[in-house]
Amino acid sequence: ANIPTPRDRKSIFQTYVDDVLVGTHGRGADRRLQNHLNNIKAWALDSNIGINPLKSQAIALKRKTPLPNIRWGQD
């Protein structure tokens, strides 16, 4: 099965070997990013692929508003 990729115009998705970059912008970006991460996590579990949250990073770039609470590997 292929890794789920965002199809909307406000999201970017890049892969290289075993690295994945997911990004979003615009209104609702934090919600879209969380949805993308949830889809990738579900795909990885279904495909029996391990993802190490300790080797994962998130960078949030925002103007004036509080940073979103993006979760990875925390149930």
N, C-alpha and C. Protein backbone atom coordinates (compact mmCIF):
# COMPACT_ATOMS: atom_id res chain seq x y z
N ALA A 1 0.85 -1.20 0.00
CA ALA A 1 0.00 0.00 0.00
C ALA A 1 0.88 1.24 0.00
N ASN A 2 0.44 2.25 -0.70
CA ASN A 2 1.20 3.49 -0.77
C ASN A 2 0.85 4.41 0.39
N ILE A 3 1.84 5.19 0.78
CA ILE A 3 1.63 6.16 1.86
C ILE A 3 0.57 7.17 1.43
N PRO A 4 -0.36 7.53 2.33
CA PRO A 4 -1.40 8.49 1.95
C PRO A 4 -0.81 9.88 1.73
N THR A 5 -1.19 10.51 0.64
CA THR A 5 -0.66 11.83 0.32
C THR A 5 -1.80 12.85 0.28
N PRO A 6 -1.54 14.06 0.78
CA PRO A 6 -2.56 15.10 0.74
C PRO A 6 -2.89 15.47 -0.70
N ARG A 7 -4.14 15.75 -0.97
CA ARG A 7 -4.59 16.11 -2.31
C ARG A 7 -5.04 17.57 -2.41
N ASP A 8 -5.06 18.28 -1.29
CA ASP A 8 -5.53 19.66 -1.34
C ASP A 8 -4.41 20.61 -1.75
N ARG A 9 -4.77 21.77 -2.23
CA ARG A 9 -3.80 22.73 -2.76
C ARG A 9 -3.02 23.47 -1.68
N LYS A 10 -3.45 23.36 -0.44
CA LYS A 10 -2.78 24.07 0.65
C LYS A 10 -1.84 23.15 1.43
N SER A 11 -1.53 21.99 0.89
CA SER A 11 -0.64 21.05 1.56
C SER A 11 0.49 20.65 0.62
N ILE A 12 1.65 20.36 1.22
CA ILE A 12 2.77 19.83 0.45
C ILE A 12 3.17 18.50 1.06
N PHE A 13 3.74 17.65 0.23
CA PHE A 13 4.13 16.31 0.67
C PHE A 13 5.34 15.89 -0.14
N GLN A 14 6.44 15.58 0.52
CA GLN A 14 7.66 15.15 -0.15
C GLN A 14 8.21 13.92 0.57
N THR A 15 8.74 12.98 -0.18
CA THR A 15 9.41 11.82 0.42
C THR A 15 10.79 11.68 -0.20
N TYR A 16 11.70 11.15 0.60
CA TYR A 16 13.05 10.83 0.12
C TYR A 16 13.55 9.67 0.96
N VAL A 17 13.75 8.54 0.34
CA VAL A 17 14.17 7.30 0.98
C VAL A 17 13.20 7.00 2.14
N ASP A 18 13.63 7.19 3.39
CA ASP A 18 12.74 6.91 4.52
C ASP A 18 12.32 8.18 5.26
N ASP A 19 12.43 9.32 4.61
CA ASP A 19 12.02 10.59 5.21
C ASP A 19 10.74 11.10 4.54
N VAL A 20 9.92 11.75 5.32
CA VAL A 20 8.67 12.33 4.82
C VAL A 20 8.57 13.75 5.34
N LEU A 21 8.20 14.67 4.46
CA LEU A 21 7.93 16.05 4.84
C LEU A 21 6.48 16.35 4.50
N VAL A 22 5.74 16.82 5.48
CA VAL A 22 4.35 17.21 5.28
C VAL A 22 4.21 18.65 5.74
N GLY A 23 3.60 19.48 4.94
CA GLY A 23 3.39 20.87 5.32
C GLY A 23 2.04 21.37 4.86
N THR A 24 1.54 22.36 5.57
CA THR A 24 0.28 23.00 5.20
C THR A 24 0.41 24.50 5.42
N HIS A 25 -0.48 25.25 4.80
CA HIS A 25 -0.49 26.69 5.02
C HIS A 25 -1.92 27.20 4.90
N GLY A 26 -2.11 28.41 5.36
CA GLY A 26 -3.43 29.03 5.27
C GLY A 26 -4.31 28.72 6.47
N ARG A 27 -5.51 29.22 6.40
CA ARG A 27 -6.48 29.02 7.48
C ARG A 27 -6.77 27.53 7.66
N GLY A 28 -6.75 27.06 8.90
CA GLY A 28 -6.99 25.65 9.19
C GLY A 28 -5.79 24.76 8.96
N ALA A 29 -4.60 25.36 8.82
CA ALA A 29 -3.39 24.57 8.54
C ALA A 29 -3.11 23.56 9.64
N ASP A 30 -3.29 23.94 10.91
CA ASP A 30 -3.02 23.02 12.00
C ASP A 30 -3.95 21.81 11.95
N ARG A 31 -5.22 22.03 11.62
CA ARG A 31 -6.18 20.93 11.51
C ARG A 31 -5.81 20.00 10.36
N ARG A 32 -5.46 20.58 9.20
CA ARG A 32 -5.06 19.76 8.05
C ARG A 32 -3.79 18.97 8.35
N LEU A 33 -2.81 19.61 9.00
CA LEU A 33 -1.57 18.91 9.33
C LEU A 33 -1.84 17.75 10.27
N GLN A 34 -2.67 17.97 11.29
CA GLN A 34 -2.99 16.88 12.22
C GLN A 34 -3.68 15.74 11.50
N ASN A 35 -4.60 16.05 10.57
CA ASN A 35 -5.27 15.00 9.79
C ASN A 35 -4.27 14.22 8.95
N HIS A 36 -3.33 14.91 8.31
CA HIS A 36 -2.31 14.22 7.50
C HIS A 36 -1.47 13.29 8.38
N LEU A 37 -1.05 13.78 9.55
CA LEU A 37 -0.25 12.95 10.45
C LEU A 37 -1.05 11.74 10.94
N ASN A 38 -2.31 11.93 11.25
CA ASN A 38 -3.15 10.81 11.67
C ASN A 38 -3.27 9.77 10.56
N ASN A 39 -3.43 10.23 9.31
CA ASN A 39 -3.53 9.30 8.17
C ASN A 39 -2.23 8.53 7.97
N ILE A 40 -1.10 9.21 8.10
CA ILE A 40 0.20 8.55 7.94
C ILE A 40 0.41 7.53 9.05
N LYS A 41 0.04 7.90 10.28
CA LYS A 41 0.19 6.98 11.41
C LYS A 41 -0.66 5.73 11.21
N ALA A 42 -1.92 5.90 10.77
CA ALA A 42 -2.80 4.75 10.52
C ALA A 42 -2.24 3.87 9.41
N TRP A 43 -1.73 4.49 8.35
CA TRP A 43 -1.12 3.74 7.24
C TRP A 43 0.08 2.94 7.74
N ALA A 44 0.92 3.56 8.55
CA ALA A 44 2.11 2.88 9.07
C ALA A 44 1.72 1.68 9.94
N LEU A 45 0.73 1.85 10.79
CA LEU A 45 0.28 0.74 11.63
C LEU A 45 -0.29 -0.39 10.78
N ASP A 46 -1.12 -0.05 9.79
CA ASP A 46 -1.70 -1.07 8.91
C ASP A 46 -0.64 -1.78 8.07
N SER A 47 0.43 -1.06 7.74
CA SER A 47 1.50 -1.62 6.90
C SER A 47 2.62 -2.25 7.72
N ASN A 48 2.45 -2.26 9.05
CA ASN A 48 3.46 -2.80 9.96
C ASN A 48 4.81 -2.09 9.80
N ILE A 49 4.75 -0.78 9.68
CA ILE A 49 5.94 0.05 9.56
C ILE A 49 6.07 0.87 10.83
N GLY A 50 7.23 0.81 11.45
CA GLY A 50 7.45 1.56 12.68
C GLY A 50 7.84 3.00 12.40
N ILE A 51 7.30 3.90 13.20
CA ILE A 51 7.69 5.31 13.15
C ILE A 51 8.16 5.69 14.55
N ASN A 52 9.35 6.22 14.63
CA ASN A 52 9.91 6.60 15.92
C ASN A 52 9.62 8.07 16.19
N PRO A 53 8.72 8.38 17.14
CA PRO A 53 8.42 9.78 17.45
C PRO A 53 9.64 10.55 17.94
N LEU A 54 10.62 9.86 18.52
CA LEU A 54 11.82 10.54 19.01
C LEU A 54 12.70 11.04 17.86
N LYS A 55 12.51 10.48 16.67
CA LYS A 55 13.27 10.92 15.51
C LYS A 55 12.44 11.82 14.60
N SER A 56 11.28 12.24 15.09
CA SER A 56 10.39 13.09 14.31
C SER A 56 10.47 14.52 14.81
N GLN A 57 10.25 15.46 13.91
CA GLN A 57 10.31 16.88 14.27
C GLN A 57 9.12 17.61 13.68
N ALA A 58 8.73 18.67 14.36
CA ALA A 58 7.71 19.57 13.84
C ALA A 58 8.23 20.99 13.96
N ILE A 59 8.02 21.75 12.92
CA ILE A 59 8.39 23.16 12.92
C ILE A 59 7.12 23.94 12.55
N ALA A 60 6.69 24.80 13.45
CA ALA A 60 5.50 25.62 13.19
C ALA A 60 5.93 27.06 12.96
N LEU A 61 5.55 27.60 11.84
CA LEU A 61 5.83 28.99 11.51
C LEU A 61 4.49 29.71 11.42
N LYS A 62 4.27 30.62 12.33
CA LYS A 62 2.99 31.33 12.37
C LYS A 62 3.23 32.80 12.65
N ARG A 63 2.25 33.60 12.29
CA ARG A 63 2.29 35.03 12.59
C ARG A 63 1.30 35.35 13.70
N LYS A 64 1.77 35.95 14.75
CA LYS A 64 0.95 36.56 15.80
C LYS A 64 0.01 35.64 16.56
N THR A 65 -0.35 34.50 16.05
CA THR A 65 -1.29 33.64 16.76
C THR A 65 -0.54 32.55 17.51
N PRO A 66 -1.14 32.00 18.56
CA PRO A 66 -0.46 30.93 19.32
C PRO A 66 -0.16 29.72 18.44
N LEU A 67 0.89 29.02 18.77
CA LEU A 67 1.26 27.81 18.02
C LEU A 67 0.24 26.71 18.27
N PRO A 68 -0.06 25.90 17.26
CA PRO A 68 -1.03 24.82 17.44
C PRO A 68 -0.42 23.67 18.23
N ASN A 69 -1.28 22.85 18.78
CA ASN A 69 -0.85 21.66 19.50
C ASN A 69 -0.88 20.48 18.53
N ILE A 70 0.22 20.25 17.82
CA ILE A 70 0.33 19.14 16.88
C ILE A 70 0.90 17.94 17.63
N ARG A 71 0.27 16.77 17.48
CA ARG A 71 0.70 15.58 18.21
C ARG A 71 1.17 14.50 17.25
N TRP A 72 2.21 13.82 17.64
CA TRP A 72 2.70 12.68 16.88
C TRP A 72 3.12 11.62 17.87
N GLY A 73 2.50 10.46 17.79
CA GLY A 73 2.87 9.36 18.65
C GLY A 73 2.40 9.49 20.08
N GLN A 74 1.51 10.41 20.34
CA GLN A 74 0.94 10.57 21.67
C GLN A 74 -0.54 10.27 21.58
N ASP A 75 -0.96 9.18 22.16
CA ASP A 75 -2.38 8.80 22.08
C ASP A 75 -3.16 9.32 23.25
